[in-house]
Amino acid sequence: MRGPPALEDRDAHGVVDLVEEVSGTASVGEYARVTMAGLYDLINCIDVSYNEMVPSEGRIEWSVLPDQGDKLSEFAPVFEKLMRQNPLVRHFEDTGDTRAMMWSDFVSLDELEKTPLYQEMFRPLGVASQMAVTLPTPPGIIVGFAVNSDPRGFDDRDRAILNALRPHLAHAYRAIQLRDALAALKEGGWTGALADQEGIVESVTENESALEAEAGIELSTGEPLPDEFRHPFRSGLV
């Protein structure tokens, strides 16, 4: 069985540059904007969207690049009502899969064109192909990025770019969540640290000096977690 295609040097450099940009974002909004802009540059498409949805409740929050103005509010009720007619939404909701997937992995365009969702939303937008990648989330919640295209669609190179970015996008998203959790800990009088998978401290709440004074435990950015926290090391939040 063949593995995924290797990225050309230019694409690989583009992926690395985007990963560096995304890793420096400090909020979910900034993270979404930087990622959408990067994907729009890397992949030939009509638009890129960041989506947070709960299909069982028909709820979605999204942003799109380029800016679609009033189209978001115009089509939001349609998508909220009919989102499960999108084969990617069904797949991600049912499986929790986070790999880059396309409409064409599940249905033909002729089949999709028969759905009210396509006729009421995607046809007016000129969309004939969609590819999406999602982030690890609790069951029932879908968070991810989608790219839309005209009949030219997407190829293996486009999918390879999304899949190469996938673990880095997930890590950056989780890091933002953990930083928010650290801020909440600090407000509650706790000391917290964010560490990577190797147990190296990435950031610490500003009250770490109190922990060192009271418990003799030092947490320093760029240094390994103290031994008592490294075995076992699981979540990255201490």
Foldseek 3Di string as FASTA:
>chain_A
DDDFDDADPVLVVLLVVLLVVLLPDQAPVSNQVSVQVSLVVNDPFDKKKWWKDQLVQLDIDMAMPPHPPCLCVVCSVVCSVPVVLQVVVVVCLVPVAFAKDKSVVPDALVVSCPDPSCVVRVVVVQFSMKIWGFERDPHRITTTMMGTHHVVYDDSNSSVSCRVNHVSSNVSVVVSVVVVVQVVCVVVVHKKFAADPQQATQDIPPPQVVCCVPPVAHHDHRHHHPPVAVVPPDDRID
